Amino acid sequence: MRFLKAVLNEAGVDAGRRVAVNAERFAQIRELRSHTQQDLAAAIGVKPAVISHVEQGRNSLSVGRLVLAATLLDVPLSQLLYEPEAGPDSDLGRG
């Protein structure tokens, strides 16, 4: 995580900044990629309850942790972000 923070900071991005996550899409992608809340949480360094709360729309993630999640789930970061104009049929990323 330190390396990722350094890279993001070098690019002018605050790795600790919290961002709104598209909760429904986050859960759909996690399930499509056959990850449990527990293994995703362990991989990005949070408690499983955090993933549960993110998927319920009750919590957000830092940019750094969201980048890690997107990498693990093999989707572009944009697929996990809240996009009001995106409909339910939007592309879920790479297959």
C-alpha atoms as a PDB file:
ATOM      1  CA  MET A   1       0.000   0.000   0.000  1.00  0.00           C
ATOM      2  CA  ARG A   2       2.908   2.371   0.694  1.00  0.00           C
ATOM      3  CA  PHE A   3       4.168   1.987  -2.859  1.00  0.00           C
ATOM      4  CA  LEU A   4       0.702   2.695  -4.262  1.00  0.00           C
ATOM      5  CA  LYS A   5       0.346   5.779  -2.057  1.00  0.00           C
ATOM      6  CA  ALA A   6       3.722   7.026  -3.249  1.00  0.00           C
ATOM      7  CA  VAL A   7       2.775   6.520  -6.905  1.00  0.00           C
ATOM      8  CA  LEU A   8      -0.588   8.226  -6.466  1.00  0.00           C
ATOM      9  CA  ASN A   9       0.958  11.107  -4.514  1.00  0.00           C
ATOM     10  CA  GLU A  10       3.610  11.524  -7.223  1.00  0.00           C
ATOM     11  CA  ALA A  11       0.763  11.809  -9.732  1.00  0.00           C
ATOM     12  CA  GLY A  12      -0.872  14.468  -7.572  1.00  0.00           C
ATOM     13  CA  VAL A  13      -3.640  12.191  -6.283  1.00  0.00           C
ATOM     14  CA  ASP A  14      -4.391  12.027  -2.563  1.00  0.00           C
ATOM     15  CA  ALA A  15      -4.427   8.259  -1.935  1.00  0.00           C
ATOM     16  CA  GLY A  16      -6.247   8.786   1.368  1.00  0.00           C
ATOM     17  CA  ARG A  17      -9.090  10.826  -0.128  1.00  0.00           C
ATOM     18  CA  ARG A  18     -12.394   9.019   0.205  1.00  0.00           C
ATOM     19  CA  VAL A  19     -14.553   8.637  -2.883  1.00  0.00           C
ATOM     20  CA  ALA A  20     -18.123   7.574  -3.471  1.00  0.00           C
ATOM     21  CA  VAL A  21     -18.396   3.986  -4.683  1.00  0.00           C
ATOM     22  CA  ASN A  22     -21.217   2.647  -6.821  1.00  0.00           C
ATOM     23  CA  ALA A  23     -22.375   0.172  -4.176  1.00  0.00           C
ATOM     24  CA  GLU A  24     -24.546  -2.039  -6.377  1.00  0.00           C
ATOM     25  CA  ARG A  25     -21.949  -2.290  -9.142  1.00  0.00           C
ATOM     26  CA  PHE A  26     -19.166  -2.926  -6.599  1.00  0.00           C
ATOM     27  CA  ALA A  27     -21.099  -5.897  -5.172  1.00  0.00           C
ATOM     28  CA  GLN A  28     -22.032  -7.222  -8.640  1.00  0.00           C
ATOM     29  CA  ILE A  29     -18.451  -7.148  -9.858  1.00  0.00           C
ATOM     30  CA  ARG A  30     -17.108  -8.718  -6.666  1.00  0.00           C
ATOM     31  CA  GLU A  31     -19.594 -11.567  -7.013  1.00  0.00           C
ATOM     32  CA  LEU A  32     -18.945 -11.974 -10.763  1.00  0.00           C
ATOM     33  CA  ARG A  33     -15.232 -12.298 -10.008  1.00  0.00           C
ATOM     34  CA  SER A  34     -15.996 -14.936  -7.329  1.00  0.00           C
ATOM     35  CA  HIS A  35     -14.504 -13.008  -4.431  1.00  0.00           C
ATOM     36  CA  THR A  36     -15.973 -13.066  -0.950  1.00  0.00           C
ATOM     37  CA  GLN A  37     -16.247  -9.922   1.121  1.00  0.00           C
ATOM     38  CA  GLN A  38     -13.676 -11.487   3.437  1.00  0.00           C
ATOM     39  CA  ASP A  39     -11.000 -12.145   0.819  1.00  0.00           C
ATOM     40  CA  LEU A  40     -11.467  -8.759  -0.835  1.00  0.00           C
ATOM     41  CA  ALA A  41     -11.230  -7.073   2.571  1.00  0.00           C
ATOM     42  CA  ALA A  42      -8.034  -8.953   3.415  1.00  0.00           C
ATOM     43  CA  ALA A  43      -6.504  -8.086   0.040  1.00  0.00           C
ATOM     44  CA  ILE A  44      -7.088  -4.346   0.405  1.00  0.00           C
ATOM     45  CA  GLY A  45      -6.402  -4.133   4.137  1.00  0.00           C
ATOM     46  CA  VAL A  46      -9.815  -3.464   5.648  1.00  0.00           C
ATOM     47  CA  LYS A  47     -12.240  -5.415   7.824  1.00  0.00           C
ATOM     48  CA  PRO A  48     -14.979  -7.427   6.069  1.00  0.00           C
ATOM     49  CA  ALA A  49     -17.587  -5.134   7.648  1.00  0.00           C
ATOM     50  CA  VAL A  50     -16.141  -2.239   5.627  1.00  0.00           C
ATOM     51  CA  ILE A  51     -16.788  -4.124   2.365  1.00  0.00           C
ATOM     52  CA  SER A  52     -20.303  -4.943   3.549  1.00  0.00           C
ATOM     53  CA  HIS A  53     -20.954  -1.278   4.353  1.00  0.00           C
ATOM     54  CA  VAL A  54     -19.528  -0.150   1.003  1.00  0.00           C
ATOM     55  CA  GLU A  55     -21.855  -2.566  -0.785  1.00  0.00           C
ATOM     56  CA  GLN A  56     -24.796  -1.193   1.197  1.00  0.00           C
ATOM     57  CA  GLY A  57     -23.842   2.384   0.288  1.00  0.00           C
ATOM     58  CA  ARG A  58     -23.102   3.196   3.928  1.00  0.00           C
ATOM     59  CA  ASN A  59     -19.348   3.683   3.583  1.00  0.00           C
ATOM     60  CA  SER A  60     -16.770   4.829   1.063  1.00  0.00           C
ATOM     61  CA  LEU A  61     -13.200   3.761   0.344  1.00  0.00           C
ATOM     62  CA  SER A  62     -10.003   5.721  -0.031  1.00  0.00           C
ATOM     63  CA  VAL A  63      -8.650   6.186  -3.526  1.00  0.00           C
ATOM     64  CA  GLY A  64      -5.731   3.911  -2.680  1.00  0.00           C
ATOM     65  CA  ARG A  65      -7.913   1.065  -1.449  1.00  0.00           C
ATOM     66  CA  LEU A  66     -10.286   1.480  -4.368  1.00  0.00           C
ATOM     67  CA  VAL A  67      -7.373   1.208  -6.812  1.00  0.00           C
ATOM     68  CA  LEU A  68      -6.320  -2.015  -5.072  1.00  0.00           C
ATOM     69  CA  ALA A  69      -9.882  -3.363  -5.275  1.00  0.00           C
ATOM     70  CA  ALA A  70     -10.164  -2.494  -8.976  1.00  0.00           C
ATOM     71  CA  THR A  71      -6.859  -4.240  -9.648  1.00  0.00           C
ATOM     72  CA  LEU A  72      -7.904  -7.358  -7.755  1.00  0.00           C
ATOM     73  CA  LEU A  73     -11.306  -7.400  -9.464  1.00  0.00           C
ATOM     74  CA  ASP A  74      -9.662  -6.789 -12.862  1.00  0.00           C
ATOM     75  CA  VAL A  75     -11.844  -3.827 -13.808  1.00  0.00           C
ATOM     76  CA  PRO A  76     -11.092  -0.204 -14.642  1.00  0.00           C
ATOM     77  CA  LEU A  77     -11.321   2.024 -11.588  1.00  0.00           C
ATOM     78  CA  SER A  78     -14.140   3.950 -13.263  1.00  0.00           C
ATOM     79  CA  GLN A  79     -16.367   0.862 -13.058  1.00  0.00           C
ATOM     80  CA  LEU A  80     -16.410   1.100  -9.253  1.00  0.00           C
ATOM     81  CA  LEU A  81     -17.108   4.811  -9.004  1.00  0.00           C
ATOM     82  CA  TYR A  82     -20.523   6.362  -8.619  1.00  0.00           C
ATOM     83  CA  GLU A  83     -21.716   7.648 -11.971  1.00  0.00           C
ATOM     84  CA  PRO A  84     -25.284   9.003 -11.844  1.00  0.00           C
ATOM     85  CA  GLU A  85     -25.661   8.940 -15.625  1.00  0.00           C
ATOM     86  CA  ALA A  86     -24.672   5.275 -15.975  1.00  0.00           C
ATOM     87  CA  GLY A  87     -27.604   2.931 -16.348  1.00  0.00           C
ATOM     88  CA  PRO A  88     -28.013  -0.613 -15.035  1.00  0.00           C
ATOM     89  CA  ASP A  89     -26.928  -2.039 -18.407  1.00  0.00           C
ATOM     90  CA  SER A  90     -23.527  -0.352 -18.345  1.00  0.00           C
ATOM     91  CA  ASP A  91     -20.469  -2.451 -19.125  1.00  0.00           C
ATOM     92  CA  LEU A  92     -19.041  -4.265 -16.108  1.00  0.00           C
ATOM     93  CA  GLY A  93     -15.522  -4.114 -17.460  1.00  0.00           C
ATOM     94  CA  ARG A  94     -13.202  -6.755 -18.725  1.00  0.00           C
ATOM     95  CA  GLY A  95     -14.496 -10.296 -18.725  1.00  0.00           C
END
